[in-house]
Protein backbone atom coordinates (compact mmCIF):
# COMPACT_ATOMS: atom_id res chain seq x y z
CA UNK A 1 9.22 -49.98 21.99
CA UNK A 2 6.10 -50.96 23.50
CA UNK A 3 3.07 -48.62 23.73
CA UNK A 4 1.56 -50.71 27.11
CA UNK A 5 2.00 -49.18 30.55
CA UNK A 6 0.35 -49.06 33.41
CA UNK A 7 -2.03 -47.04 32.60
CA UNK A 8 -3.10 -47.96 29.10
CA UNK A 9 -3.37 -51.37 30.03
CA UNK A 10 -5.81 -50.58 33.12
CA UNK A 11 -8.37 -48.45 30.71
CA UNK A 12 -7.15 -52.26 28.04
CA UNK A 13 -8.73 -54.52 30.91
CA UNK A 14 -11.52 -52.36 32.35
CA UNK A 15 -12.65 -51.84 29.06
CA UNK A 16 -12.90 -55.16 28.44
CA UNK A 17 -14.58 -56.19 31.92
CA UNK A 18 -17.31 -53.27 30.71
CA UNK A 19 -17.86 -55.17 27.73
CA UNK A 20 -17.83 -58.54 29.51
CA UNK A 21 -20.66 -56.86 32.50
CA UNK A 22 -22.70 -55.97 28.88
CA UNK A 23 -22.73 -58.91 28.02
CA UNK A 24 -23.93 -60.39 31.28
CA UNK A 25 -26.31 -57.96 31.91
CA UNK A 26 -27.83 -59.34 28.63
CA UNK A 27 -27.46 -62.27 28.66
CA UNK A 28 -28.90 -62.79 32.21
CA UNK A 29 -31.76 -60.52 31.13
CA UNK A 30 -32.55 -63.00 28.18
CA UNK A 31 -32.26 -66.16 30.42
CA UNK A 32 -35.12 -63.47 32.19
CA UNK A 33 -37.41 -63.24 29.14
CA UNK A 34 -36.72 -67.63 28.20
CA UNK A 35 -38.14 -68.30 32.44
CA UNK A 36 -40.91 -65.91 31.94
CA UNK A 37 -41.94 -67.75 28.63
CA UNK A 38 -41.35 -70.97 30.29
CA UNK A 39 -43.74 -69.90 32.54
CA UNK A 40 -46.10 -69.02 30.58
CA UNK A 41 -46.26 -71.86 28.77
CA UNK A 42 -46.19 -74.00 32.01
CA UNK A 43 -48.87 -72.40 32.87
CA UNK A 44 -51.18 -72.26 30.45
CA UNK A 45 -50.13 -76.71 29.66
CA UNK A 46 -51.08 -76.73 33.63
CA UNK A 47 -55.11 -75.33 33.02
CA UNK A 48 -55.16 -77.51 29.84
CA UNK A 49 -54.33 -80.48 31.52
CA UNK A 50 -56.72 -79.34 34.27
CA UNK A 51 -59.41 -78.36 31.92
CA UNK A 52 -59.06 -82.29 30.41
CA UNK A 53 -59.04 -83.67 34.04
CA UNK A 54 -62.50 -81.87 35.24
CA UNK A 55 -63.61 -83.01 32.00
CA UNK A 56 -62.65 -86.48 32.60
CA UNK A 57 -65.15 -85.97 35.93
CA UNK A 58 -67.75 -84.42 34.56
CA UNK A 59 -68.03 -87.38 32.36
CA UNK A 60 -67.12 -90.08 35.18
CA UNK A 61 -70.78 -88.20 36.88
CA UNK A 62 -72.59 -89.72 34.19
CA UNK A 63 -71.24 -92.85 34.04
CA UNK A 64 -73.42 -95.76 35.45
CA UNK A 65 -72.05 -97.13 38.42
CA UNK A 66 -71.63 -100.74 39.26
CA UNK A 67 -73.69 -100.77 41.59
CA UNK A 68 -76.73 -99.21 39.28
CA UNK A 69 -75.91 -101.37 36.41
CA UNK A 70 -76.32 -104.19 38.54
CA UNK A 71 -79.69 -103.79 39.69
CA UNK A 72 -81.02 -102.69 36.28
CA UNK A 73 -79.59 -105.80 34.93
CA UNK A 74 -81.36 -107.94 38.25
CA UNK A 75 -84.83 -105.93 37.87
CA UNK A 76 -84.81 -106.35 33.52
CA UNK A 77 -84.04 -110.07 34.34
CA UNK A 78 -86.77 -110.43 36.69
CA UNK A 79 -89.18 -108.56 34.10
CA UNK A 80 -87.97 -110.98 31.46
CA UNK A 81 -88.41 -114.29 33.36
CA UNK A 82 -91.83 -113.13 34.20
CA UNK A 83 -92.58 -112.87 30.90
CA UNK A 84 -91.31 -116.27 29.91
CA UNK A 85 -93.23 -117.41 33.05
CA UNK A 86 -96.23 -115.64 31.88
CA UNK A 87 -96.01 -117.00 27.67
CA UNK A 88 -95.56 -120.59 28.80
CA UNK A 89 -98.66 -120.06 31.25
CA UNK A 90 -100.71 -118.96 28.13
CA UNK A 91 -99.06 -121.77 25.97
CA UNK A 92 -100.09 -124.20 28.81
CA UNK A 93 -103.64 -122.91 28.95
CA UNK A 94 -103.81 -122.98 25.23
CA UNK A 95 -103.05 -126.60 25.67
CA UNK A 96 -105.19 -127.55 28.60
CA UNK A 97 -108.36 -125.93 25.98
CA UNK A 98 -107.99 -127.69 22.86
CA UNK A 99 -107.69 -130.85 25.00
CA UNK A 100 -110.94 -130.16 27.16
CA UNK A 101 -112.31 -128.90 23.48
CA UNK A 102 -110.88 -132.29 22.10
CA UNK A 103 -112.76 -134.22 24.92
CA UNK A 104 -116.45 -132.73 24.52
CA UNK A 105 -116.39 -133.47 20.67
CA UNK A 106 -115.31 -136.84 21.62
CA UNK A 107 -118.22 -136.69 24.43
CA UNK A 108 -121.09 -135.38 21.78
CA UNK A 109 -119.50 -138.12 19.53
CA UNK A 110 -120.62 -140.90 21.62
CA UNK A 111 -123.73 -139.82 22.93
CA UNK A 112 -124.37 -139.17 19.23
CA UNK A 113 -123.42 -142.83 18.64
CA UNK A 114 -125.57 -144.10 21.60
CA UNK A 115 -128.46 -142.06 20.81
CA UNK A 116 -128.27 -143.15 17.05
């Protein structure tokens, strides 16, 4: 005959249930620890992302805007035109002086020829 009785069967099942409860408790504790680690890692990752975003924001604050760039470019072009106009004016004045000097020499030569 079998050695199992209702009482021994109950004890056997109770022992199995206690072991399962312990296993479930251990699994839940492990899951809690894992969730805590994930939360810590996620927080750290978001902190890093926020630092990167702040770096980009700080960097963007030092960039020249389109308006500032356009104004500076226009000012530079005006100055360049002014220098170019001044240079062409100087060249024109030099040419005029050369013509006048040549006329004075020619006039002096004519006067010298008439006097002689």
